[in-house]
Amino acid sequence: MKQVSFAINSLGHTVGVRSLTTGDASRNNVVMSVLTLGSGWHNNHHAFPRAAILRFRWWQFDPSGFVIASLERLGLAWNVRRVDVDALASRRIATRVEGA
């Protein structure tokens, strides 16, 4: 498992998709996200490094974020940092629609 964590720092900057603006080449990688229980959303992490939950789309697999949110609901975690909707929208990379 340790090797998978190290792979985040190399693959997370070379393989995957950039959906948010950051000052680096960080990328989201679905496979790495599954292997690391959510840490593969590396571009999400670099855009909002203090966020506890890295799932910004309904389909993003983030079991670690789910556990943190569950602990918060049970009163076992508090001051959980989330990303504001406006902050997230301001970081989104615009994608051009073909034919538009």
Protein backbone atom coordinates (compact mmCIF):
# COMPACT_ATOMS: atom_id res chain seq x y z
CA MET A 1 0.00 0.00 0.00
CA LYS A 2 2.93 2.32 0.66
CA GLN A 3 3.98 2.11 -3.00
CA VAL A 4 0.49 3.17 -4.08
CA SER A 5 0.77 6.26 -1.88
CA PHE A 6 4.14 7.12 -3.43
CA ALA A 7 2.63 6.63 -6.90
CA ILE A 8 0.17 9.45 -6.19
CA ASN A 9 3.05 11.95 -6.26
CA SER A 10 4.34 10.75 -9.62
CA LEU A 11 1.24 9.57 -11.50
CA GLY A 12 -0.88 12.28 -9.88
CA HIS A 13 1.13 14.86 -11.80
CA THR A 14 1.38 13.07 -15.14
CA VAL A 15 -1.59 10.76 -15.80
CA GLY A 16 -5.21 11.80 -15.57
CA VAL A 17 -7.51 14.77 -16.01
CA ARG A 18 -7.20 18.37 -14.87
CA SER A 19 -10.60 19.83 -14.06
CA LEU A 20 -9.53 22.59 -11.66
CA THR A 21 -6.94 25.34 -12.01
CA THR A 22 -3.87 24.97 -9.81
CA GLY A 23 -0.30 26.25 -9.93
CA ASP A 24 1.03 22.81 -10.85
CA ALA A 25 0.34 19.85 -13.13
CA SER A 26 -1.75 17.82 -10.66
CA ARG A 27 -4.32 15.47 -12.19
CA ASN A 28 -7.27 13.38 -11.07
CA ASN A 29 -6.87 9.67 -11.71
CA VAL A 30 -9.80 7.26 -11.25
CA VAL A 31 -7.64 4.13 -10.87
CA MET A 32 -5.41 5.76 -8.27
CA SER A 33 -8.49 7.02 -6.46
CA VAL A 34 -9.83 3.48 -6.12
CA LEU A 35 -6.44 2.13 -4.97
CA THR A 36 -5.97 4.92 -2.40
CA LEU A 37 -9.59 5.21 -1.23
CA GLY A 38 -10.02 8.71 -2.63
CA SER A 39 -6.55 10.25 -2.70
CA GLY A 40 -6.37 9.82 -6.47
CA TRP A 41 -8.39 13.05 -6.82
CA HIS A 42 -5.02 14.78 -6.73
CA ASN A 43 -6.07 17.82 -8.78
CA ASN A 44 -8.97 18.33 -6.35
CA HIS A 45 -6.52 18.10 -3.44
CA HIS A 46 -4.09 20.61 -4.96
CA ALA A 47 -6.90 23.06 -5.72
CA PHE A 48 -8.23 22.80 -2.15
CA PRO A 49 -5.49 21.26 0.04
CA ARG A 50 -7.35 21.76 3.33
CA ALA A 51 -10.56 20.04 2.21
CA ALA A 52 -11.38 16.84 4.07
CA ILE A 53 -13.67 15.54 1.34
CA LEU A 54 -12.27 15.37 -2.20
CA ARG A 55 -15.42 14.22 -3.98
CA PHE A 56 -16.57 17.20 -6.05
CA ARG A 57 -18.65 15.25 -8.60
CA TRP A 58 -21.31 12.62 -7.85
CA TRP A 59 -19.25 9.87 -9.52
CA GLN A 60 -15.94 10.57 -7.75
CA PHE A 61 -15.13 7.61 -5.48
CA ASP A 62 -14.00 8.98 -2.09
CA PRO A 63 -14.45 6.44 0.72
CA SER A 64 -12.12 8.40 3.02
CA GLY A 65 -14.33 11.47 2.64
CA PHE A 66 -17.41 9.32 3.32
CA VAL A 67 -15.86 8.03 6.57
CA ILE A 68 -14.97 11.58 7.66
CA ALA A 69 -18.50 12.85 6.88
CA SER A 70 -20.00 9.87 8.75
CA LEU A 71 -17.83 10.52 11.79
CA GLU A 72 -18.92 14.16 11.69
CA ARG A 73 -22.62 13.15 11.63
CA LEU A 74 -22.01 10.90 14.65
CA GLY A 75 -20.36 13.77 16.52
CA LEU A 76 -16.95 12.08 16.47
CA ALA A 77 -15.35 14.60 14.08
CA TRP A 78 -15.83 18.34 13.99
CA ASN A 79 -14.60 21.41 12.09
CA VAL A 80 -14.56 19.32 8.92
CA ARG A 81 -13.44 21.55 6.06
CA ARG A 82 -15.50 21.48 2.91
CA VAL A 83 -15.18 23.38 -0.34
CA ASP A 84 -17.60 26.23 -0.89
CA VAL A 85 -19.66 25.89 -4.09
CA ASP A 86 -18.59 29.34 -5.31
CA ALA A 87 -14.91 28.60 -4.65
CA LEU A 88 -15.22 25.34 -6.57
CA ALA A 89 -16.94 27.06 -9.51
CA SER A 90 -14.21 29.70 -9.67
CA ARG A 91 -11.53 27.00 -10.05
CA ARG A 92 -13.24 24.91 -12.74
CA ILE A 93 -11.44 24.73 -16.06
CA ALA A 94 -13.89 25.62 -18.81
CA THR A 95 -14.31 22.85 -21.34
CA ARG A 96 -15.17 23.75 -24.89
CA VAL A 97 -18.21 22.01 -26.31
CA GLU A 98 -17.61 20.73 -29.83
CA GLY A 99 -19.85 22.33 -32.43
CA ALA A 100 -20.81 25.23 -30.16
